[in-house]
Amino acid sequence: MKPPAIGYLRRDISGVAQSWDETQIRSLAERLGYRFTKTVVFSDRTADPIGRLLDVVTTTEAAAIVTPSLAHLGSDLPHRIVAACDIITVTPEITHTRTLPALPA
């Protein structure tokens, strides 16, 4: 069975290209072998978007989030998310692999 992936974008960043961004997200997820489940769309008015996105990751048991670019997730790579699942960007096409917590020495 293919691992599940969700799409994520910010409406205020995609603007009029939102439909195209959603198409690219779905296409890349499927091309990489994921079972695409849904696209989560927030805006700049969404309170705690990273926390809410993590809730969706947990609920859907997503192995990856596919987003048009890291700009949709904020200015820095959100470590809380990359600790939970892979982050894949469409442009540039990069996979930020899930980081597992370090084992105690």
PDB file of N, CA and C in Angstrom:
ATOM      1  N   MET A   1       0.834  -1.177   0.000  1.00  0.00           N
ATOM      2  CA  MET A   1       0.000   0.000   0.000  1.00  0.00           C
ATOM      3  C   MET A   1       0.882   1.246   0.000  1.00  0.00           C
ATOM      4  N   LYS A   2       0.488   2.257  -0.738  1.00  0.00           N
ATOM      5  CA  LYS A   2       1.249   3.493  -0.838  1.00  0.00           C
ATOM      6  C   LYS A   2       1.093   4.309   0.441  1.00  0.00           C
ATOM      7  N   PRO A   3       2.164   4.979   0.879  1.00  0.00           N
ATOM      8  CA  PRO A   3       2.048   5.829   2.063  1.00  0.00           C
ATOM      9  C   PRO A   3       1.213   7.072   1.754  1.00  0.00           C
ATOM     10  N   PRO A   4       0.447   7.565   2.720  1.00  0.00           N
ATOM     11  CA  PRO A   4      -0.393   8.736   2.481  1.00  0.00           C
ATOM     12  C   PRO A   4       0.409  10.032   2.509  1.00  0.00           C
ATOM     13  N   ALA A   5      -0.027  10.992   1.696  1.00  0.00           N
ATOM     14  CA  ALA A   5       0.559  12.336   1.683  1.00  0.00           C
ATOM     15  C   ALA A   5      -0.566  13.349   1.600  1.00  0.00           C
ATOM     16  N   ILE A   6      -0.324  14.503   2.196  1.00  0.00           N
ATOM     17  CA  ILE A   6      -1.273  15.603   2.075  1.00  0.00           C
ATOM     18  C   ILE A   6      -0.583  16.772   1.383  1.00  0.00           C
ATOM     19  N   GLY A   7      -1.386  17.612   0.787  1.00  0.00           N
ATOM     20  CA  GLY A   7      -0.877  18.837   0.198  1.00  0.00           C
ATOM     21  C   GLY A   7      -1.116  19.982   1.161  1.00  0.00           C
ATOM     22  N   TYR A   8      -0.308  21.007   1.053  1.00  0.00           N
ATOM     23  CA  TYR A   8      -0.496  22.188   1.892  1.00  0.00           C
ATOM     24  C   TYR A   8      -0.107  23.427   1.113  1.00  0.00           C
ATOM     25  N   LEU A   9      -0.959  24.437   1.209  1.00  0.00           N
ATOM     26  CA  LEU A   9      -0.611  25.726   0.627  1.00  0.00           C
ATOM     27  C   LEU A   9      -1.295  26.844   1.385  1.00  0.00           C
ATOM     28  N   ARG A  10      -0.746  28.028   1.206  1.00  0.00           N
ATOM     29  CA  ARG A  10      -1.334  29.227   1.773  1.00  0.00           C
ATOM     30  C   ARG A  10      -2.006  29.988   0.637  1.00  0.00           C
ATOM     31  N   ARG A  11      -3.283  30.251   0.815  1.00  0.00           N
ATOM     32  CA  ARG A  11      -4.099  30.946  -0.175  1.00  0.00           C
ATOM     33  C   ARG A  11      -3.508  32.309  -0.531  1.00  0.00           C
ATOM     34  N   ASP A  12      -3.008  33.034   0.468  1.00  0.00           N
ATOM     35  CA  ASP A  12      -2.470  34.370   0.220  1.00  0.00           C
ATOM     36  C   ASP A  12      -1.159  34.338  -0.559  1.00  0.00           C
ATOM     37  N   ILE A  13      -0.422  33.247  -0.506  1.00  0.00           N
ATOM     38  CA  ILE A  13       0.819  33.124  -1.266  1.00  0.00           C
ATOM     39  C   ILE A  13       0.536  32.618  -2.678  1.00  0.00           C
ATOM     40  N   SER A  14      -0.347  31.640  -2.815  1.00  0.00           N
ATOM     41  CA  SER A  14      -0.675  31.110  -4.152  1.00  0.00           C
ATOM     42  C   SER A  14      -1.449  32.121  -4.989  1.00  0.00           C
ATOM     43  N   GLY A  15      -2.352  32.844  -4.361  1.00  0.00           N
ATOM     44  CA  GLY A  15      -3.152  33.822  -5.102  1.00  0.00           C
ATOM     45  C   GLY A  15      -3.930  33.165  -6.225  1.00  0.00           C
ATOM     46  N   VAL A  16      -3.875  33.779  -7.395  1.00  0.00           N
ATOM     47  CA  VAL A  16      -4.650  33.280  -8.535  1.00  0.00           C
ATOM     48  C   VAL A  16      -4.118  31.949  -9.068  1.00  0.00           C
ATOM     49  N   ALA A  17      -2.919  31.558  -8.644  1.00  0.00           N
ATOM     50  CA  ALA A  17      -2.326  30.289  -9.090  1.00  0.00           C
ATOM     51  C   ALA A  17      -2.707  29.127  -8.177  1.00  0.00           C
ATOM     52  N   GLN A  18      -3.663  29.306  -7.274  1.00  0.00           N
ATOM     53  CA  GLN A  18      -3.991  28.259  -6.308  1.00  0.00           C
ATOM     54  C   GLN A  18      -4.383  26.947  -6.979  1.00  0.00           C
ATOM     55  N   SER A  19      -5.234  26.989  -7.978  1.00  0.00           N
ATOM     56  CA  SER A  19      -5.647  25.750  -8.661  1.00  0.00           C
ATOM     57  C   SER A  19      -4.452  25.052  -9.302  1.00  0.00           C
ATOM     58  N   TRP A  20      -3.569  25.825  -9.913  1.00  0.00           N
ATOM     59  CA  TRP A  20      -2.382  25.258 -10.540  1.00  0.00           C
ATOM     60  C   TRP A  20      -1.469  24.650  -9.474  1.00  0.00           C
ATOM     61  N   ASP A  21      -1.292  25.352  -8.357  1.00  0.00           N
ATOM     62  CA  ASP A  21      -0.479  24.815  -7.270  1.00  0.00           C
ATOM     63  C   ASP A  21      -1.049  23.501  -6.754  1.00  0.00           C
ATOM     64  N   GLU A  22      -2.367  23.437  -6.598  1.00  0.00           N
ATOM     65  CA  GLU A  22      -3.004  22.198  -6.125  1.00  0.00           C
ATOM     66  C   GLU A  22      -2.770  21.053  -7.106  1.00  0.00           C
ATOM     67  N   THR A  23      -2.848  21.346  -8.395  1.00  0.00           N
ATOM     68  CA  THR A  23      -2.612  20.330  -9.425  1.00  0.00           C
ATOM     69  C   THR A  23      -1.169  19.835  -9.360  1.00  0.00           C
ATOM     70  N   GLN A  24      -0.217  20.745  -9.210  1.00  0.00           N
ATOM     71  CA  GLN A  24       1.189  20.354  -9.139  1.00  0.00           C
ATOM     72  C   GLN A  24       1.479  19.533  -7.886  1.00  0.00           C
ATOM     73  N   ILE A  25       0.867  19.905  -6.766  1.00  0.00           N
ATOM     74  CA  ILE A  25       1.045  19.162  -5.521  1.00  0.00           C
ATOM     75  C   ILE A  25       0.584  17.722  -5.693  1.00  0.00           C
ATOM     76  N   ARG A  26      -0.633  17.563  -6.184  1.00  0.00           N
ATOM     77  CA  ARG A  26      -1.207  16.229  -6.366  1.00  0.00           C
ATOM     78  C   ARG A  26      -0.359  15.404  -7.338  1.00  0.00           C
ATOM     79  N   SER A  27       0.028  16.011  -8.438  1.00  0.00           N
ATOM     80  CA  SER A  27       0.803  15.314  -9.457  1.00  0.00           C
ATOM     81  C   SER A  27       2.151  14.835  -8.910  1.00  0.00           C
ATOM     82  N   LEU A  28       2.855  15.701  -8.188  1.00  0.00           N
ATOM     83  CA  LEU A  28       4.155  15.314  -7.641  1.00  0.00           C
ATOM     84  C   LEU A  28       4.002  14.206  -6.601  1.00  0.00           C
ATOM     85  N   ALA A  29       3.022  14.325  -5.733  1.00  0.00           N
ATOM     86  CA  ALA A  29       2.805  13.289  -4.712  1.00  0.00           C
ATOM     87  C   ALA A  29       2.570  11.935  -5.370  1.00  0.00           C
ATOM     88  N   GLU A  30       1.724  11.906  -6.361  1.00  0.00           N
ATOM     89  CA  GLU A  30       1.414  10.642  -7.030  1.00  0.00           C
ATOM     90  C   GLU A  30       2.620  10.115  -7.807  1.00  0.00           C
ATOM     91  N   ARG A  31       3.372  11.019  -8.449  1.00  0.00           N
ATOM     92  CA  ARG A  31       4.559  10.599  -9.198  1.00  0.00           C
ATOM     93  C   ARG A  31       5.615   9.996  -8.273  1.00  0.00           C
ATOM     94  N   LEU A  32       5.692  10.503  -7.043  1.00  0.00           N
ATOM     95  CA  LEU A  32       6.661   9.984  -6.081  1.00  0.00           C
ATOM     96  C   LEU A  32       6.174   8.739  -5.341  1.00  0.00           C
ATOM     97  N   GLY A  33       4.980   8.274  -5.679  1.00  0.00           N
ATOM     98  CA  GLY A  33       4.497   7.019  -5.114  1.00  0.00           C
ATOM     99  C   GLY A  33       3.652   7.134  -3.856  1.00  0.00           C
ATOM    100  N   TYR A  34       3.134   8.316  -3.583  1.00  0.00           N
ATOM    101  CA  TYR A  34       2.267   8.508  -2.418  1.00  0.00           C
ATOM    102  C   TYR A  34       0.801   8.359  -2.800  1.00  0.00           C
ATOM    103  N   ARG A  35      -0.016   8.039  -1.822  1.00  0.00           N
ATOM    104  CA  ARG A  35      -1.476   8.056  -1.979  1.00  0.00           C
ATOM    105  C   ARG A  35      -1.931   9.417  -1.483  1.00  0.00           C
ATOM    106  N   PHE A  36      -2.281  10.295  -2.426  1.00  0.00           N
ATOM    107  CA  PHE A  36      -2.663  11.664  -2.081  1.00  0.00           C
ATOM    108  C   PHE A  36      -4.038  11.659  -1.429  1.00  0.00           C
ATOM    109  N   THR A  37      -4.148  12.256  -0.237  1.00  0.00           N
ATOM    110  CA  THR A  37      -5.411  12.197   0.489  1.00  0.00           C
ATOM    111  C   THR A  37      -6.200  13.496   0.482  1.00  0.00           C
ATOM    112  N   LYS A  38      -5.517  14.641   0.608  1.00  0.00           N
ATOM    113  CA  LYS A  38      -6.240  15.913   0.646  1.00  0.00           C
ATOM    114  C   LYS A  38      -5.265  17.067   0.563  1.00  0.00           C
ATOM    115  N   THR A  39      -5.810  18.254   0.265  1.00  0.00           N
ATOM    116  CA  THR A  39      -5.032  19.487   0.322  1.00  0.00           C
ATOM    117  C   THR A  39      -5.569  20.347   1.448  1.00  0.00           C
ATOM    118  N   VAL A  40      -4.673  20.814   2.291  1.00  0.00           N
ATOM    119  CA  VAL A  40      -5.012  21.715   3.387  1.00  0.00           C
ATOM    120  C   VAL A  40      -4.671  23.122   2.923  1.00  0.00           C
ATOM    121  N   VAL A  41      -5.644  24.036   3.028  1.00  0.00           N
ATOM    122  CA  VAL A  41      -5.452  25.413   2.586  1.00  0.00           C
ATOM    123  C   VAL A  41      -5.704  26.346   3.761  1.00  0.00           C
ATOM    124  N   PHE A  42      -4.687  27.126   4.114  1.00  0.00           N
ATOM    125  CA  PHE A  42      -4.815  28.146   5.146  1.00  0.00           C
ATOM    126  C   PHE A  42      -4.527  29.502   4.529  1.00  0.00           C
ATOM    127  N   SER A  43      -4.741  30.552   5.307  1.00  0.00           N
ATOM    128  CA  SER A  43      -4.414  31.903   4.860  1.00  0.00           C
ATOM    129  C   SER A  43      -3.517  32.561   5.900  1.00  0.00           C
ATOM    130  N   ASP A  44      -3.143  33.794   5.636  1.00  0.00           N
ATOM    131  CA  ASP A  44      -2.314  34.524   6.592  1.00  0.00           C
ATOM    132  C   ASP A  44      -3.079  34.858   7.871  1.00  0.00           C
ATOM    133  N   ARG A  45      -4.373  34.633   7.881  1.00  0.00           N
ATOM    134  CA  ARG A  45      -5.201  34.887   9.060  1.00  0.00           C
ATOM    135  C   ARG A  45      -5.393  33.652   9.938  1.00  0.00           C
ATOM    136  N   THR A  46      -4.884  32.523   9.505  1.00  0.00           N
ATOM    137  CA  THR A  46      -5.032  31.275  10.259  1.00  0.00           C
ATOM    138  C   THR A  46      -4.155  31.324  11.507  1.00  0.00           C
ATOM    139  N   ALA A  47      -4.783  31.102  12.650  1.00  0.00           N
ATOM    140  CA  ALA A  47      -4.028  31.061  13.906  1.00  0.00           C
ATOM    141  C   ALA A  47      -3.269  29.741  14.002  1.00  0.00           C
ATOM    142  N   ASP A  48      -2.005  29.800  14.369  1.00  0.00           N
ATOM    143  CA  ASP A  48      -1.138  28.638  14.546  1.00  0.00           C
ATOM    144  C   ASP A  48      -1.223  27.643  13.386  1.00  0.00           C
ATOM    145  N   PRO A  49      -0.876  28.085  12.166  1.00  0.00           N
ATOM    146  CA  PRO A  49      -1.000  27.184  11.019  1.00  0.00           C
ATOM    147  C   PRO A  49      -0.131  25.926  11.127  1.00  0.00           C
ATOM    148  N   ILE A  50       1.062  26.042  11.706  1.00  0.00           N
ATOM    149  CA  ILE A  50       1.936  24.870  11.821  1.00  0.00           C
ATOM    150  C   ILE A  50       1.323  23.862  12.792  1.00  0.00           C
ATOM    151  N   GLY A  51       0.811  24.330  13.899  1.00  0.00           N
ATOM    152  CA  GLY A  51       0.150  23.438  14.859  1.00  0.00           C
ATOM    153  C   GLY A  51      -1.061  22.755  14.262  1.00  0.00           C
ATOM    154  N   ARG A  52      -1.852  23.515  13.529  1.00  0.00           N
ATOM    155  CA  ARG A  52      -3.039  22.925  12.890  1.00  0.00           C
ATOM    156  C   ARG A  52      -2.639  21.931  11.806  1.00  0.00           C
ATOM    157  N   LEU A  53      -1.576  22.247  11.065  1.00  0.00           N
ATOM    158  CA  LEU A  53      -1.101  21.324  10.032  1.00  0.00           C
ATOM    159  C   LEU A  53      -0.599  20.033  10.675  1.00  0.00           C
ATOM    160  N   LEU A  54       0.083  20.140  11.799  1.00  0.00           N
ATOM    161  CA  LEU A  54       0.529  18.943  12.523  1.00  0.00           C
ATOM    162  C   LEU A  54      -0.653  18.091  12.970  1.00  0.00           C
ATOM    163  N   ASP A  55      -1.752  18.726  13.373  1.00  0.00           N
ATOM    164  CA  ASP A  55      -2.958  17.981  13.733  1.00  0.00           C
ATOM    165  C   ASP A  55      -3.458  17.164  12.546  1.00  0.00           C
ATOM    166  N   VAL A  56      -3.435  17.760  11.348  1.00  0.00           N
ATOM    167  CA  VAL A  56      -3.883  17.052  10.141  1.00  0.00           C
ATOM    168  C   VAL A  56      -2.932  15.902   9.825  1.00  0.00           C
ATOM    169  N   VAL A  57      -1.632  16.137   9.963  1.00  0.00           N
ATOM    170  CA  VAL A  57      -0.641  15.076   9.726  1.00  0.00           C
ATOM    171  C   VAL A  57      -0.929  13.894  10.645  1.00  0.00           C
ATOM    172  N   THR A  58      -1.175  14.181  11.911  1.00  0.00           N
ATOM    173  CA  THR A  58      -1.454  13.122  12.884  1.00  0.00           C
ATOM    174  C   THR A  58      -2.746  12.389  12.549  1.00  0.00           C
ATOM    175  N   THR A  59      -3.795  13.138  12.258  1.00  0.00           N
ATOM    176  CA  THR A  59      -5.097  12.545  11.963  1.00  0.00           C
ATOM    177  C   THR A  59      -5.059  11.662  10.714  1.00  0.00           C
ATOM    178  N   THR A  60      -4.378  12.121   9.683  1.00  0.00           N
ATOM    179  CA  THR A  60      -4.334  11.375   8.412  1.00  0.00           C
ATOM    180  C   THR A  60      -3.199  10.366   8.362  1.00  0.00           C
ATOM    181  N   GLU A  61      -2.325  10.402   9.388  1.00  0.00           N
ATOM    182  CA  GLU A  61      -1.130   9.554   9.414  1.00  0.00           C
ATOM    183  C   GLU A  61      -0.269   9.767   8.169  1.00  0.00           C
ATOM    184  N   ALA A  62      -0.175  11.035   7.738  1.00  0.00           N
ATOM    185  CA  ALA A  62       0.566  11.378   6.525  1.00  0.00           C
ATOM    186  C   ALA A  62       2.052  11.106   6.696  1.00  0.00           C
ATOM    187  N   ALA A  63       2.636  10.505   5.683  1.00  0.00           N
ATOM    188  CA  ALA A  63       4.073  10.264   5.656  1.00  0.00           C
ATOM    189  C   ALA A  63       4.801  11.467   5.069  1.00  0.00           C
ATOM    190  N   ALA A  64       4.048  12.326   4.344  1.00  0.00           N
ATOM    191  CA  ALA A  64       4.666  13.490   3.714  1.00  0.00           C
ATOM    192  C   ALA A  64       3.649  14.609   3.524  1.00  0.00           C
ATOM    193  N   ILE A  65       4.185  15.820   3.512  1.00  0.00           N
ATOM    194  CA  ILE A  65       3.426  17.010   3.119  1.00  0.00           C
ATOM    195  C   ILE A  65       4.069  17.508   1.843  1.00  0.00           C
ATOM    196  N   VAL A  66       3.246  17.777   0.834  1.00  0.00           N
ATOM    197  CA  VAL A  66       3.751  18.328  -0.423  1.00  0.00           C
ATOM    198  C   VAL A  66       3.236  19.755  -0.519  1.00  0.00           C
ATOM    199  N   THR A  67       4.142  20.694  -0.761  1.00  0.00           N
ATOM    200  CA  THR A  67       3.798  22.110  -0.798  1.00  0.00           C
ATOM    201  C   THR A  67       4.480  22.768  -2.001  1.00  0.00           C
ATOM    202  N   PRO A  68       3.909  23.843  -2.533  1.00  0.00           N
ATOM    203  CA  PRO A  68       4.533  24.475  -3.705  1.00  0.00           C
ATOM    204  C   PRO A  68       5.967  24.939  -3.451  1.00  0.00           C
ATOM    205  N   SER A  69       6.220  25.495  -2.265  1.00  0.00           N
ATOM    206  CA  SER A  69       7.559  25.949  -1.878  1.00  0.00           C
ATOM    207  C   SER A  69       7.597  26.085  -0.364  1.00  0.00           C
ATOM    208  N   LEU A  70       8.794  26.238   0.178  1.00  0.00           N
ATOM    209  CA  LEU A  70       8.912  26.412   1.625  1.00  0.00           C
ATOM    210  C   LEU A  70       8.276  27.709   2.099  1.00  0.00           C
ATOM    211  N   ALA A  71       8.110  28.680   1.227  1.00  0.00           N
ATOM    212  CA  ALA A  71       7.475  29.946   1.607  1.00  0.00           C
ATOM    213  C   ALA A  71       6.090  29.714   2.197  1.00  0.00           C
ATOM    214  N   HIS A  72       5.417  28.662   1.772  1.00  0.00           N
ATOM    215  CA  HIS A  72       4.074  28.363   2.272  1.00  0.00           C
ATOM    216  C   HIS A  72       4.106  27.905   3.734  1.00  0.00           C
ATOM    217  N   LEU A  73       5.272  27.465   4.202  1.00  0.00           N
ATOM    218  CA  LEU A  73       5.407  26.998   5.587  1.00  0.00           C
ATOM    219  C   LEU A  73       6.037  28.052   6.499  1.00  0.00           C
ATOM    220  N   GLY A  74       6.415  29.183   5.959  1.00  0.00           N
ATOM    221  CA  GLY A  74       7.038  30.230   6.756  1.00  0.00           C
ATOM    222  C   GLY A  74       8.459  30.475   6.293  1.00  0.00           C
ATOM    223  N   SER A  75       9.164  31.281   7.041  1.00  0.00           N
ATOM    224  CA  SER A  75      10.507  31.672   6.615  1.00  0.00           C
ATOM    225  C   SER A  75      11.561  30.590   6.853  1.00  0.00           C
ATOM    226  N   ASP A  76      11.339  29.709   7.801  1.00  0.00           N
ATOM    227  CA  ASP A  76      12.287  28.631   8.106  1.00  0.00           C
ATOM    228  C   ASP A  76      11.614  27.276   7.973  1.00  0.00           C
ATOM    229  N   LEU A  77      12.432  26.252   7.757  1.00  0.00           N
ATOM    230  CA  LEU A  77      11.913  24.888   7.720  1.00  0.00           C
ATOM    231  C   LEU A  77      11.327  24.561   9.093  1.00  0.00           C
ATOM    232  N   PRO A  78      10.034  24.264   9.175  1.00  0.00           N
ATOM    233  CA  PRO A  78       9.417  23.997  10.481  1.00  0.00           C
ATOM    234  C   PRO A  78       9.841  22.637  11.040  1.00  0.00           C
ATOM    235  N   HIS A  79      10.724  22.667  12.020  1.00  0.00           N
ATOM    236  CA  HIS A  79      11.278  21.445  12.580  1.00  0.00           C
ATOM    237  C   HIS A  79      10.217  20.575  13.239  1.00  0.00           C
ATOM    238  N   ARG A  80       9.139  21.178  13.753  1.00  0.00           N
ATOM    239  CA  ARG A  80       8.064  20.376  14.350  1.00  0.00           C
ATOM    240  C   ARG A  80       7.422  19.485  13.291  1.00  0.00           C
ATOM    241  N   ILE A  81       7.339  19.982  12.068  1.00  0.00           N
ATOM    242  CA  ILE A  81       6.725  19.175  10.999  1.00  0.00           C
ATOM    243  C   ILE A  81       7.704  18.134  10.485  1.00  0.00           C
ATOM    244  N   VAL A  82       8.954  18.532  10.229  1.00  0.00           N
ATOM    245  CA  VAL A  82       9.915  17.579   9.674  1.00  0.00           C
ATOM    246  C   VAL A  82      10.263  16.487  10.695  1.00  0.00           C
ATOM    247  N   ALA A  83       9.903  16.694  11.951  1.00  0.00           N
ATOM    248  CA  ALA A  83      10.045  15.627  12.939  1.00  0.00           C
ATOM    249  C   ALA A  83       8.917  14.614  12.810  1.00  0.00           C
ATOM    250  N   ALA A  84       7.807  15.026  12.180  1.00  0.00           N
ATOM    251  CA  ALA A  84       6.631  14.160  12.060  1.00  0.00           C
ATOM    252  C   ALA A  84       6.516  13.488  10.697  1.00  0.00           C
ATOM    253  N   CYS A  85       6.986  14.154   9.638  1.00  0.00           N
ATOM    254  CA  CYS A  85       6.853  13.598   8.288  1.00  0.00           C
ATOM    255  C   CYS A  85       7.822  14.304   7.348  1.00  0.00           C
ATOM    256  N   ASP A  86       7.968  13.761   6.142  1.00  0.00           N
ATOM    257  CA  ASP A  86       8.786  14.405   5.122  1.00  0.00           C
ATOM    258  C   ASP A  86       8.060  15.647   4.617  1.00  0.00           C
ATOM    259  N   ILE A  87       8.841  16.648   4.200  1.00  0.00           N
ATOM    260  CA  ILE A  87       8.294  17.824   3.534  1.00  0.00           C
ATOM    261  C   ILE A  87       8.866  17.827   2.129  1.00  0.00           C
ATOM    262  N   ILE A  88       7.985  17.863   1.142  1.00  0.00           N
ATOM    263  CA  ILE A  88       8.396  17.843  -0.263  1.00  0.00           C
ATOM    264  C   ILE A  88       7.936  19.135  -0.909  1.00  0.00           C
ATOM    265  N   THR A  89       8.862  19.832  -1.566  1.00  0.00           N
ATOM    266  CA  THR A  89       8.500  21.058  -2.271  1.00  0.00           C
ATOM    267  C   THR A  89       8.466  20.802  -3.770  1.00  0.00           C
ATOM    268  N   VAL A  90       7.516  21.464  -4.422  1.00  0.00           N
ATOM    269  CA  VAL A  90       7.386  21.356  -5.876  1.00  0.00           C
ATOM    270  C   VAL A  90       8.500  22.158  -6.546  1.00  0.00           C
ATOM    271  N   THR A  91       8.726  23.396  -6.051  1.00  0.00           N
ATOM    272  CA  THR A  91       9.736  24.272  -6.628  1.00  0.00           C
ATOM    273  C   THR A  91      10.611  24.830  -5.531  1.00  0.00           C
ATOM    274  N   PRO A  92      11.881  24.505  -5.508  1.00  0.00           N
ATOM    275  CA  PRO A  92      12.514  23.440  -6.282  1.00  0.00           C
ATOM    276  C   PRO A  92      12.069  22.074  -5.749  1.00  0.00           C
ATOM    277  N   GLU A  93      12.156  21.073  -6.589  1.00  0.00           N
ATOM    278  CA  GLU A  93      11.717  19.734  -6.177  1.00  0.00           C
ATOM    279  C   GLU A  93      12.758  19.145  -5.232  1.00  0.00           C
ATOM    280  N   ILE A  94      12.460  19.259  -3.946  1.00  0.00           N
ATOM    281  CA  ILE A  94      13.362  18.784  -2.896  1.00  0.00           C
ATOM    282  C   ILE A  94      12.546  18.057  -1.841  1.00  0.00           C
ATOM    283  N   THR A  95      13.107  16.979  -1.305  1.00  0.00           N
ATOM    284  CA  THR A  95      12.498  16.288  -0.173  1.00  0.00           C
ATOM    285  C   THR A  95      13.328  16.559   1.066  1.00  0.00           C
ATOM    286  N   HIS A  96      12.697  17.150   2.057  1.00  0.00           N
ATOM    287  CA  HIS A  96      13.310  17.352   3.367  1.00  0.00           C
ATOM    288  C   HIS A  96      12.870  16.158   4.195  1.00  0.00           C
ATOM    289  N   THR A  97      13.790  15.219   4.389  1.00  0.00           N
ATOM    290  CA  THR A  97      13.467  13.950   5.006  1.00  0.00           C
ATOM    291  C   THR A  97      13.217  14.099   6.498  1.00  0.00           C
ATOM    292  N   ARG A  98      12.232  13.355   6.946  1.00  0.00           N
ATOM    293  CA  ARG A  98      11.868  13.326   8.372  1.00  0.00           C
ATOM    294  C   ARG A  98      13.113  13.101   9.211  1.00  0.00           C
ATOM    295  N   THR A  99      13.221  13.874  10.275  1.00  0.00           N
ATOM    296  CA  THR A  99      14.351  13.713  11.187  1.00  0.00           C
ATOM    297  C   THR A  99      13.853  13.019  12.452  1.00  0.00           C
ATOM    298  N   LEU A 100      14.502  11.950  12.786  1.00  0.00           N
ATOM    299  CA  LEU A 100      14.136  11.210  13.982  1.00  0.00           C
ATOM    300  C   LEU A 100      14.904  11.770  15.180  1.00  0.00           C
ATOM    301  N   PRO A 101      14.309  11.737  16.349  1.00  0.00           N
ATOM    302  CA  PRO A 101      15.025  12.224  17.530  1.00  0.00           C
ATOM    303  C   PRO A 101      16.294  11.410  17.770  1.00  0.00           C
ATOM    304  N   ALA A 102      17.317  12.073  18.279  1.00  0.00           N
ATOM    305  CA  ALA A 102      18.582  11.397  18.569  1.00  0.00           C
ATOM    306  C   ALA A 102      18.390  10.409  19.722  1.00  0.00           C
ATOM    307  N   LEU A 103      19.079   9.299  19.613  1.00  0.00           N
ATOM    308  CA  LEU A 103      19.043   8.305  20.690  1.00  0.00           C
ATOM    309  C   LEU A 103      19.948   8.759  21.828  1.00  0.00           C
ATOM    310  N   PRO A 104      19.560   8.494  23.051  1.00  0.00           N
ATOM    311  CA  PRO A 104      20.431   8.878  24.169  1.00  0.00           C
ATOM    312  C   PRO A 104      21.756   8.122  24.109  1.00  0.00           C
ATOM    313  N   ALA A 105      22.807   8.779  24.527  1.00  0.00           N
ATOM    314  CA  ALA A 105      24.142   8.169  24.478  1.00  0.00           C
ATOM    315  C   ALA A 105      24.365   7.199  25.600  1.00  0.00           C
TER     316      ALA A 105
END
